[in-house]
Amino acid sequence: MTTAKVEERLFQNRYRVDGGRPHINIIDPEICHGSCKDKDCTHLCPAACYTQEGNGRVVLITDGCLECGTCRVICNEHRNVAWEYPRGGYGILFKFG
């Protein structure tokens, strides 16, 4: 049986970007910067869509999002993520189911 790293499996998937219409948004960036101490989204998003800049601000880039909903769950305390499925034909295209 052969094994592969998660990164290798994810690389085989494709993502169709819906330009100008992100399906996830940070509702209030100031909450991420001020009220949110742990910034769990930057550590727990499996697609690494959330990153923290040097000034502490959280940046969201939805390209490559796996549409798993992890960000909604981990941001439950602040409820600062607006998340919906992408329009039909856009988003993640899984190669293996």
PDB file of N, CA and C in Angstrom:
ATOM      1  N   MET A   1       0.844  -1.179   0.000  1.00  0.00           N
ATOM      2  CA  MET A   1       0.000   0.000   0.000  1.00  0.00           C
ATOM      3  C   MET A   1       0.889   1.242   0.000  1.00  0.00           C
ATOM      4  N   THR A   2       0.620   2.154  -0.890  1.00  0.00           N
ATOM      5  CA  THR A   2       1.399   3.392  -0.931  1.00  0.00           C
ATOM      6  C   THR A   2       0.678   4.466  -0.130  1.00  0.00           C
ATOM      7  N   THR A   3       1.459   5.350   0.429  1.00  0.00           N
ATOM      8  CA  THR A   3       0.882   6.462   1.175  1.00  0.00           C
ATOM      9  C   THR A   3       1.332   7.764   0.545  1.00  0.00           C
ATOM     10  N   ALA A   4       0.559   8.789   0.749  1.00  0.00           N
ATOM     11  CA  ALA A   4       0.890  10.116   0.227  1.00  0.00           C
ATOM     12  C   ALA A   4       0.598  11.147   1.304  1.00  0.00           C
ATOM     13  N   LYS A   5       1.332  12.202   1.291  1.00  0.00           N
ATOM     14  CA  LYS A   5       1.099  13.291   2.228  1.00  0.00           C
ATOM     15  C   LYS A   5      -0.159  14.046   1.819  1.00  0.00           C
ATOM     16  N   VAL A   6      -0.760  14.707   2.786  1.00  0.00           N
ATOM     17  CA  VAL A   6      -1.978  15.485   2.525  1.00  0.00           C
ATOM     18  C   VAL A   6      -1.725  16.511   1.425  1.00  0.00           C
ATOM     19  N   GLU A   7      -0.593  17.176   1.482  1.00  0.00           N
ATOM     20  CA  GLU A   7      -0.274  18.201   0.490  1.00  0.00           C
ATOM     21  C   GLU A   7      -0.260  17.629  -0.925  1.00  0.00           C
ATOM     22  N   GLU A   8       0.257  16.395  -1.073  1.00  0.00           N
ATOM     23  CA  GLU A   8       0.297  15.763  -2.386  1.00  0.00           C
ATOM     24  C   GLU A   8      -1.108  15.460  -2.890  1.00  0.00           C
ATOM     25  N   ARG A   9      -1.977  15.032  -2.007  1.00  0.00           N
ATOM     26  CA  ARG A   9      -3.371  14.750  -2.393  1.00  0.00           C
ATOM     27  C   ARG A   9      -4.108  16.039  -2.756  1.00  0.00           C
ATOM     28  N   LEU A  10      -3.908  17.077  -1.957  1.00  0.00           N
ATOM     29  CA  LEU A  10      -4.576  18.347  -2.232  1.00  0.00           C
ATOM     30  C   LEU A  10      -4.118  18.940  -3.547  1.00  0.00           C
ATOM     31  N   PHE A  11      -2.875  18.734  -3.903  1.00  0.00           N
ATOM     32  CA  PHE A  11      -2.339  19.277  -5.151  1.00  0.00           C
ATOM     33  C   PHE A  11      -3.067  18.715  -6.369  1.00  0.00           C
ATOM     34  N   GLN A  12      -3.644  17.517  -6.227  1.00  0.00           N
ATOM     35  CA  GLN A  12      -4.335  16.886  -7.345  1.00  0.00           C
ATOM     36  C   GLN A  12      -5.723  17.470  -7.577  1.00  0.00           C
ATOM     37  N   ASN A  13      -6.254  18.161  -6.603  1.00  0.00           N
ATOM     38  CA  ASN A  13      -7.561  18.800  -6.762  1.00  0.00           C
ATOM     39  C   ASN A  13      -7.399  20.091  -7.549  1.00  0.00           C
ATOM     40  N   ARG A  14      -8.472  20.569  -8.090  1.00  0.00           N
ATOM     41  CA  ARG A  14      -8.455  21.835  -8.831  1.00  0.00           C
ATOM     42  C   ARG A  14      -9.446  22.790  -8.187  1.00  0.00           C
ATOM     43  N   TYR A  15      -9.202  24.056  -8.408  1.00  0.00           N
ATOM     44  CA  TYR A  15     -10.059  25.079  -7.835  1.00  0.00           C
ATOM     45  C   TYR A  15     -10.408  26.080  -8.924  1.00  0.00           C
ATOM     46  N   ARG A  16     -11.676  26.322  -9.101  1.00  0.00           N
ATOM     47  CA  ARG A  16     -12.136  27.301 -10.092  1.00  0.00           C
ATOM     48  C   ARG A  16     -12.568  28.553  -9.342  1.00  0.00           C
ATOM     49  N   VAL A  17     -11.801  29.620  -9.510  1.00  0.00           N
ATOM     50  CA  VAL A  17     -12.030  30.876  -8.799  1.00  0.00           C
ATOM     51  C   VAL A  17     -13.189  31.632  -9.432  1.00  0.00           C
ATOM     52  N   ASP A  18     -14.079  32.111  -8.606  1.00  0.00           N
ATOM     53  CA  ASP A  18     -15.199  32.940  -9.036  1.00  0.00           C
ATOM     54  C   ASP A  18     -14.777  34.391  -8.792  1.00  0.00           C
ATOM     55  N   GLY A  19     -14.076  34.945  -9.748  1.00  0.00           N
ATOM     56  CA  GLY A  19     -13.469  36.272  -9.614  1.00  0.00           C
ATOM     57  C   GLY A  19     -14.422  37.338  -9.100  1.00  0.00           C
ATOM     58  N   GLY A  20     -14.016  38.018  -8.051  1.00  0.00           N
ATOM     59  CA  GLY A  20     -14.806  39.113  -7.502  1.00  0.00           C
ATOM     60  C   GLY A  20     -15.989  38.687  -6.653  1.00  0.00           C
ATOM     61  N   ARG A  21     -16.190  37.377  -6.468  1.00  0.00           N
ATOM     62  CA  ARG A  21     -17.324  36.883  -5.677  1.00  0.00           C
ATOM     63  C   ARG A  21     -16.863  35.833  -4.677  1.00  0.00           C
ATOM     64  N   PRO A  22     -16.084  36.224  -3.677  1.00  0.00           N
ATOM     65  CA  PRO A  22     -15.632  35.234  -2.692  1.00  0.00           C
ATOM     66  C   PRO A  22     -16.819  34.665  -1.915  1.00  0.00           C
ATOM     67  N   HIS A  23     -16.760  33.389  -1.612  1.00  0.00           N
ATOM     68  CA  HIS A  23     -17.860  32.745  -0.880  1.00  0.00           C
ATOM     69  C   HIS A  23     -17.642  32.803   0.628  1.00  0.00           C
ATOM     70  N   ILE A  24     -16.500  33.328   1.050  1.00  0.00           N
ATOM     71  CA  ILE A  24     -16.209  33.515   2.469  1.00  0.00           C
ATOM     72  C   ILE A  24     -15.692  34.938   2.650  1.00  0.00           C
ATOM     73  N   ASN A  25     -16.155  35.580   3.693  1.00  0.00           N
ATOM     74  CA  ASN A  25     -15.688  36.926   4.027  1.00  0.00           C
ATOM     75  C   ASN A  25     -15.502  37.054   5.527  1.00  0.00           C
ATOM     76  N   ILE A  26     -14.536  37.847   5.909  1.00  0.00           N
ATOM     77  CA  ILE A  26     -14.401  38.244   7.303  1.00  0.00           C
ATOM     78  C   ILE A  26     -15.350  39.421   7.478  1.00  0.00           C
ATOM     79  N   ILE A  27     -16.290  39.299   8.376  1.00  0.00           N
ATOM     80  CA  ILE A  27     -17.325  40.320   8.529  1.00  0.00           C
ATOM     81  C   ILE A  27     -16.736  41.639   9.020  1.00  0.00           C
ATOM     82  N   ASP A  28     -15.965  41.589  10.092  1.00  0.00           N
ATOM     83  CA  ASP A  28     -15.353  42.791  10.665  1.00  0.00           C
ATOM     84  C   ASP A  28     -13.882  42.518  10.960  1.00  0.00           C
ATOM     85  N   PRO A  29     -12.968  42.979  10.106  1.00  0.00           N
ATOM     86  CA  PRO A  29     -11.544  42.732  10.306  1.00  0.00           C
ATOM     87  C   PRO A  29     -11.014  43.232  11.651  1.00  0.00           C
ATOM     88  N   GLU A  30     -11.655  44.224  12.234  1.00  0.00           N
ATOM     89  CA  GLU A  30     -11.203  44.750  13.531  1.00  0.00           C
ATOM     90  C   GLU A  30     -11.395  43.732  14.657  1.00  0.00           C
ATOM     91  N   ILE A  31     -12.401  42.873  14.537  1.00  0.00           N
ATOM     92  CA  ILE A  31     -12.601  41.825  15.538  1.00  0.00           C
ATOM     93  C   ILE A  31     -11.419  40.863  15.501  1.00  0.00           C
ATOM     94  N   CYS A  32     -10.992  40.480  14.307  1.00  0.00           N
ATOM     95  CA  CYS A  32      -9.833  39.586  14.176  1.00  0.00           C
ATOM     96  C   CYS A  32      -8.579  40.237  14.757  1.00  0.00           C
ATOM     97  N   HIS A  33      -8.432  41.505  14.512  1.00  0.00           N
ATOM     98  CA  HIS A  33      -7.222  42.211  14.946  1.00  0.00           C
ATOM     99  C   HIS A  33      -7.219  42.479  16.443  1.00  0.00           C
ATOM    100  N   GLY A  34      -8.378  42.833  16.998  1.00  0.00           N
ATOM    101  CA  GLY A  34      -8.419  43.237  18.403  1.00  0.00           C
ATOM    102  C   GLY A  34      -8.943  42.193  19.358  1.00  0.00           C
ATOM    103  N   SER A  35     -10.156  41.725  19.141  1.00  0.00           N
ATOM    104  CA  SER A  35     -10.828  40.841  20.100  1.00  0.00           C
ATOM    105  C   SER A  35     -10.339  39.404  20.064  1.00  0.00           C
ATOM    106  N   CYS A  36      -9.925  38.928  18.910  1.00  0.00           N
ATOM    107  CA  CYS A  36      -9.520  37.534  18.765  1.00  0.00           C
ATOM    108  C   CYS A  36      -8.043  37.404  19.129  1.00  0.00           C
ATOM    109  N   LYS A  37      -7.792  36.733  20.223  1.00  0.00           N
ATOM    110  CA  LYS A  37      -6.415  36.609  20.714  1.00  0.00           C
ATOM    111  C   LYS A  37      -5.643  35.481  20.026  1.00  0.00           C
ATOM    112  N   ASP A  38      -6.270  34.312  19.840  1.00  0.00           N
ATOM    113  CA  ASP A  38      -5.556  33.132  19.350  1.00  0.00           C
ATOM    114  C   ASP A  38      -5.421  33.058  17.831  1.00  0.00           C
ATOM    115  N   LYS A  39      -6.354  33.688  17.132  1.00  0.00           N
ATOM    116  CA  LYS A  39      -6.375  33.659  15.667  1.00  0.00           C
ATOM    117  C   LYS A  39      -6.273  32.214  15.148  1.00  0.00           C
ATOM    118  N   ASP A  40      -7.151  31.374  15.698  1.00  0.00           N
ATOM    119  CA  ASP A  40      -7.146  29.948  15.367  1.00  0.00           C
ATOM    120  C   ASP A  40      -7.308  29.670  13.878  1.00  0.00           C
ATOM    121  N   CYS A  41      -8.012  30.529  13.175  1.00  0.00           N
ATOM    122  CA  CYS A  41      -8.214  30.304  11.742  1.00  0.00           C
ATOM    123  C   CYS A  41      -6.885  30.237  10.996  1.00  0.00           C
ATOM    124  N   THR A  42      -5.879  30.972  11.469  1.00  0.00           N
ATOM    125  CA  THR A  42      -4.583  30.976  10.799  1.00  0.00           C
ATOM    126  C   THR A  42      -3.808  29.687  11.042  1.00  0.00           C
ATOM    127  N   HIS A  43      -4.224  28.902  12.026  1.00  0.00           N
ATOM    128  CA  HIS A  43      -3.540  27.656  12.337  1.00  0.00           C
ATOM    129  C   HIS A  43      -4.334  26.424  11.915  1.00  0.00           C
ATOM    130  N   LEU A  44      -5.662  26.528  11.891  1.00  0.00           N
ATOM    131  CA  LEU A  44      -6.501  25.347  11.723  1.00  0.00           C
ATOM    132  C   LEU A  44      -7.144  25.177  10.353  1.00  0.00           C
ATOM    133  N   CYS A  45      -7.134  26.201   9.529  1.00  0.00           N
ATOM    134  CA  CYS A  45      -7.705  26.065   8.184  1.00  0.00           C
ATOM    135  C   CYS A  45      -6.843  25.073   7.399  1.00  0.00           C
ATOM    136  N   PRO A  46      -7.420  23.944   6.950  1.00  0.00           N
ATOM    137  CA  PRO A  46      -6.607  22.937   6.258  1.00  0.00           C
ATOM    138  C   PRO A  46      -6.067  23.415   4.912  1.00  0.00           C
ATOM    139  N   ALA A  47      -6.663  24.437   4.333  1.00  0.00           N
ATOM    140  CA  ALA A  47      -6.192  24.959   3.052  1.00  0.00           C
ATOM    141  C   ALA A  47      -5.309  26.194   3.223  1.00  0.00           C
ATOM    142  N   ALA A  48      -5.086  26.605   4.466  1.00  0.00           N
ATOM    143  CA  ALA A  48      -4.251  27.780   4.777  1.00  0.00           C
ATOM    144  C   ALA A  48      -4.756  29.040   4.071  1.00  0.00           C
ATOM    145  N   CYS A  49      -6.073  29.220   4.065  1.00  0.00           N
ATOM    146  CA  CYS A  49      -6.665  30.411   3.448  1.00  0.00           C
ATOM    147  C   CYS A  49      -6.490  31.657   4.316  1.00  0.00           C
ATOM    148  N   TYR A  50      -6.296  31.458   5.611  1.00  0.00           N
ATOM    149  CA  TYR A  50      -6.147  32.568   6.551  1.00  0.00           C
ATOM    150  C   TYR A  50      -4.679  32.694   6.938  1.00  0.00           C
ATOM    151  N   THR A  51      -4.147  33.897   6.845  1.00  0.00           N
ATOM    152  CA  THR A  51      -2.777  34.151   7.278  1.00  0.00           C
ATOM    153  C   THR A  51      -2.761  35.402   8.148  1.00  0.00           C
ATOM    154  N   GLN A  52      -1.765  35.471   9.005  1.00  0.00           N
ATOM    155  CA  GLN A  52      -1.617  36.637   9.869  1.00  0.00           C
ATOM    156  C   GLN A  52      -0.411  37.439   9.389  1.00  0.00           C
ATOM    157  N   GLU A  53      -0.635  38.710   9.135  1.00  0.00           N
ATOM    158  CA  GLU A  53       0.441  39.586   8.710  1.00  0.00           C
ATOM    159  C   GLU A  53       1.280  40.006   9.912  1.00  0.00           C
ATOM    160  N   GLY A  54       2.406  40.611   9.651  1.00  0.00           N
ATOM    161  CA  GLY A  54       3.301  41.056  10.705  1.00  0.00           C
ATOM    162  C   GLY A  54       2.671  42.038  11.669  1.00  0.00           C
ATOM    163  N   ASN A  55       1.689  42.806  11.201  1.00  0.00           N
ATOM    164  CA  ASN A  55       1.018  43.783  12.068  1.00  0.00           C
ATOM    165  C   ASN A  55      -0.141  43.168  12.861  1.00  0.00           C
ATOM    166  N   GLY A  56      -0.322  41.843  12.743  1.00  0.00           N
ATOM    167  CA  GLY A  56      -1.363  41.160  13.500  1.00  0.00           C
ATOM    168  C   GLY A  56      -2.679  41.018  12.771  1.00  0.00           C
ATOM    169  N   ARG A  57      -2.839  41.644  11.636  1.00  0.00           N
ATOM    170  CA  ARG A  57      -4.081  41.553  10.865  1.00  0.00           C
ATOM    171  C   ARG A  57      -4.208  40.188  10.207  1.00  0.00           C
ATOM    172  N   VAL A  58      -5.432  39.683  10.154  1.00  0.00           N
ATOM    173  CA  VAL A  58      -5.718  38.413   9.502  1.00  0.00           C
ATOM    174  C   VAL A  58      -6.181  38.699   8.081  1.00  0.00           C
ATOM    175  N   VAL A  59      -5.582  37.985   7.133  1.00  0.00           N
ATOM    176  CA  VAL A  59      -5.918  38.136   5.723  1.00  0.00           C
ATOM    177  C   VAL A  59      -6.532  36.829   5.241  1.00  0.00           C
ATOM    178  N   LEU A  60      -7.609  36.936   4.481  1.00  0.00           N
ATOM    179  CA  LEU A  60      -8.302  35.773   3.933  1.00  0.00           C
ATOM    180  C   LEU A  60      -8.166  35.774   2.419  1.00  0.00           C
ATOM    181  N   ILE A  61      -7.658  34.674   1.877  1.00  0.00           N
ATOM    182  CA  ILE A  61      -7.608  34.456   0.430  1.00  0.00           C
ATOM    183  C   ILE A  61      -8.336  33.142   0.180  1.00  0.00           C
ATOM    184  N   THR A  62      -9.491  33.213  -0.459  1.00  0.00           N
ATOM    185  CA  THR A  62     -10.356  32.041  -0.582  1.00  0.00           C
ATOM    186  C   THR A  62      -9.947  31.093  -1.701  1.00  0.00           C
ATOM    187  N   ASP A  63      -9.018  31.472  -2.547  1.00  0.00           N
ATOM    188  CA  ASP A  63      -8.558  30.577  -3.611  1.00  0.00           C
ATOM    189  C   ASP A  63      -7.992  29.311  -2.976  1.00  0.00           C
ATOM    190  N   GLY A  64      -8.516  28.184  -3.344  1.00  0.00           N
ATOM    191  CA  GLY A  64      -8.048  26.916  -2.796  1.00  0.00           C
ATOM    192  C   GLY A  64      -8.829  26.442  -1.590  1.00  0.00           C
ATOM    193  N   CYS A  65      -9.863  27.162  -1.190  1.00  0.00           N
ATOM    194  CA  CYS A  65     -10.683  26.763  -0.046  1.00  0.00           C
ATOM    195  C   CYS A  65     -11.290  25.391  -0.298  1.00  0.00           C
ATOM    196  N   LEU A  66     -11.246  24.535   0.724  1.00  0.00           N
ATOM    197  CA  LEU A  66     -11.794  23.181   0.614  1.00  0.00           C
ATOM    198  C   LEU A  66     -13.279  23.109   0.945  1.00  0.00           C
ATOM    199  N   GLU A  67     -13.862  24.233   1.333  1.00  0.00           N
ATOM    200  CA  GLU A  67     -15.288  24.319   1.652  1.00  0.00           C
ATOM    201  C   GLU A  67     -15.684  23.360   2.775  1.00  0.00           C
ATOM    202  N   CYS A  68     -14.794  23.209   3.737  1.00  0.00           N
ATOM    203  CA  CYS A  68     -15.036  22.274   4.838  1.00  0.00           C
ATOM    204  C   CYS A  68     -15.823  22.913   5.976  1.00  0.00           C
ATOM    205  N   GLY A  69     -15.809  24.240   6.074  1.00  0.00           N
ATOM    206  CA  GLY A  69     -16.536  24.928   7.129  1.00  0.00           C
ATOM    207  C   GLY A  69     -15.784  25.058   8.438  1.00  0.00           C
ATOM    208  N   THR A  70     -14.528  24.650   8.468  1.00  0.00           N
ATOM    209  CA  THR A  70     -13.735  24.736   9.694  1.00  0.00           C
ATOM    210  C   THR A  70     -13.705  26.155  10.230  1.00  0.00           C
ATOM    211  N   CYS A  71     -13.569  27.132   9.370  1.00  0.00           N
ATOM    212  CA  CYS A  71     -13.474  28.527   9.817  1.00  0.00           C
ATOM    213  C   CYS A  71     -14.737  28.959  10.555  1.00  0.00           C
ATOM    214  N   ARG A  72     -15.887  28.486  10.118  1.00  0.00           N
ATOM    215  CA  ARG A  72     -17.140  28.834  10.813  1.00  0.00           C
ATOM    216  C   ARG A  72     -17.169  28.254  12.207  1.00  0.00           C
ATOM    217  N   VAL A  73     -16.676  27.039  12.339  1.00  0.00           N
ATOM    218  CA  VAL A  73     -16.706  26.362  13.629  1.00  0.00           C
ATOM    219  C   VAL A  73     -15.729  27.005  14.603  1.00  0.00           C
ATOM    220  N   ILE A  74     -14.510  27.271  14.156  1.00  0.00           N
ATOM    221  CA  ILE A  74     -13.503  27.802  15.073  1.00  0.00           C
ATOM    222  C   ILE A  74     -13.715  29.279  15.391  1.00  0.00           C
ATOM    223  N   CYS A  75     -14.486  29.960  14.585  1.00  0.00           N
ATOM    224  CA  CYS A  75     -14.781  31.369  14.858  1.00  0.00           C
ATOM    225  C   CYS A  75     -16.150  31.518  15.530  1.00  0.00           C
ATOM    226  N   ASN A  76     -16.627  30.469  16.144  1.00  0.00           N
ATOM    227  CA  ASN A  76     -17.951  30.475  16.742  1.00  0.00           C
ATOM    228  C   ASN A  76     -18.090  31.523  17.848  1.00  0.00           C
ATOM    229  N   GLU A  77     -17.022  31.750  18.607  1.00  0.00           N
ATOM    230  CA  GLU A  77     -17.085  32.731  19.694  1.00  0.00           C
ATOM    231  C   GLU A  77     -17.385  34.139  19.164  1.00  0.00           C
ATOM    232  N   HIS A  78     -16.736  34.508  18.074  1.00  0.00           N
ATOM    233  CA  HIS A  78     -16.892  35.865  17.534  1.00  0.00           C
ATOM    234  C   HIS A  78     -17.923  35.939  16.405  1.00  0.00           C
ATOM    235  N   ARG A  79     -18.221  34.814  15.796  1.00  0.00           N
ATOM    236  CA  ARG A  79     -19.163  34.773  14.654  1.00  0.00           C
ATOM    237  C   ARG A  79     -18.809  35.835  13.624  1.00  0.00           C
ATOM    238  N   ASN A  80     -17.553  35.807  13.204  1.00  0.00           N
ATOM    239  CA  ASN A  80     -17.037  36.855  12.325  1.00  0.00           C
ATOM    240  C   ASN A  80     -16.737  36.351  10.917  1.00  0.00           C
ATOM    241  N   VAL A  81     -17.273  35.177  10.572  1.00  0.00           N
ATOM    242  CA  VAL A  81     -17.057  34.631   9.239  1.00  0.00           C
ATOM    243  C   VAL A  81     -18.404  34.485   8.541  1.00  0.00           C
ATOM    244  N   ALA A  82     -18.524  35.110   7.386  1.00  0.00           N
ATOM    245  CA  ALA A  82     -19.701  34.933   6.535  1.00  0.00           C
ATOM    246  C   ALA A  82     -19.319  33.894   5.493  1.00  0.00           C
ATOM    247  N   TRP A  83     -19.974  32.725   5.533  1.00  0.00           N
ATOM    248  CA  TRP A  83     -19.581  31.585   4.706  1.00  0.00           C
ATOM    249  C   TRP A  83     -20.802  31.049   3.981  1.00  0.00           C
ATOM    250  N   GLU A  84     -20.629  30.770   2.703  1.00  0.00           N
ATOM    251  CA  GLU A  84     -21.667  30.097   1.919  1.00  0.00           C
ATOM    252  C   GLU A  84     -20.977  29.268   0.849  1.00  0.00           C
ATOM    253  N   TYR A  85     -21.686  28.338   0.270  1.00  0.00           N
ATOM    254  CA  TYR A  85     -21.098  27.552  -0.801  1.00  0.00           C
ATOM    255  C   TYR A  85     -20.889  28.438  -2.024  1.00  0.00           C
ATOM    256  N   PRO A  86     -19.859  28.163  -2.817  1.00  0.00           N
ATOM    257  CA  PRO A  86     -19.658  28.929  -4.052  1.00  0.00           C
ATOM    258  C   PRO A  86     -20.801  28.657  -5.037  1.00  0.00           C
ATOM    259  N   ARG A  87     -20.922  29.552  -6.008  1.00  0.00           N
ATOM    260  CA  ARG A  87     -21.907  29.331  -7.073  1.00  0.00           C
ATOM    261  C   ARG A  87     -21.572  28.039  -7.805  1.00  0.00           C
ATOM    262  N   GLY A  88     -22.567  27.460  -8.441  1.00  0.00           N
ATOM    263  CA  GLY A  88     -22.373  26.220  -9.187  1.00  0.00           C
ATOM    264  C   GLY A  88     -21.256  26.329 -10.209  1.00  0.00           C
ATOM    265  N   GLY A  89     -20.410  25.324 -10.245  1.00  0.00           N
ATOM    266  CA  GLY A  89     -19.309  25.290 -11.195  1.00  0.00           C
ATOM    267  C   GLY A  89     -18.032  25.940 -10.694  1.00  0.00           C
ATOM    268  N   TYR A  90     -18.097  26.587  -9.535  1.00  0.00           N
ATOM    269  CA  TYR A  90     -16.925  27.242  -8.964  1.00  0.00           C
ATOM    270  C   TYR A  90     -16.532  26.543  -7.669  1.00  0.00           C
ATOM    271  N   GLY A  91     -15.351  26.855  -7.217  1.00  0.00           N
ATOM    272  CA  GLY A  91     -14.864  26.298  -5.965  1.00  0.00           C
ATOM    273  C   GLY A  91     -13.989  25.085  -6.197  1.00  0.00           C
ATOM    274  N   ILE A  92     -13.925  24.250  -5.193  1.00  0.00           N
ATOM    275  CA  ILE A  92     -13.043  23.081  -5.224  1.00  0.00           C
ATOM    276  C   ILE A  92     -13.619  22.003  -6.129  1.00  0.00           C
ATOM    277  N   LEU A  93     -12.764  21.404  -6.912  1.00  0.00           N
ATOM    278  CA  LEU A  93     -13.132  20.292  -7.775  1.00  0.00           C
ATOM    279  C   LEU A  93     -12.266  19.113  -7.340  1.00  0.00           C
ATOM    280  N   PHE A  94     -12.822  18.232  -6.524  1.00  0.00           N
ATOM    281  CA  PHE A  94     -12.067  17.108  -5.991  1.00  0.00           C
ATOM    282  C   PHE A  94     -11.829  16.044  -7.061  1.00  0.00           C
ATOM    283  N   LYS A  95     -10.605  15.606  -7.181  1.00  0.00           N
ATOM    284  CA  LYS A  95     -10.271  14.583  -8.153  1.00  0.00           C
ATOM    285  C   LYS A  95     -10.709  13.196  -7.683  1.00  0.00           C
ATOM    286  N   PHE A  96     -10.588  12.943  -6.387  1.00  0.00           N
ATOM    287  CA  PHE A  96     -10.898  11.624  -5.844  1.00  0.00           C
ATOM    288  C   PHE A  96     -12.152  11.666  -4.987  1.00  0.00           C
ATOM    289  N   GLY A  97     -13.275  12.085  -5.560  1.00  0.00           N
ATOM    290  CA  GLY A  97     -14.538  12.053  -4.858  1.00  0.00           C
ATOM    291  C   GLY A  97     -14.754  13.262  -4.105  1.00  0.00           C
TER     292      GLY A  97
END
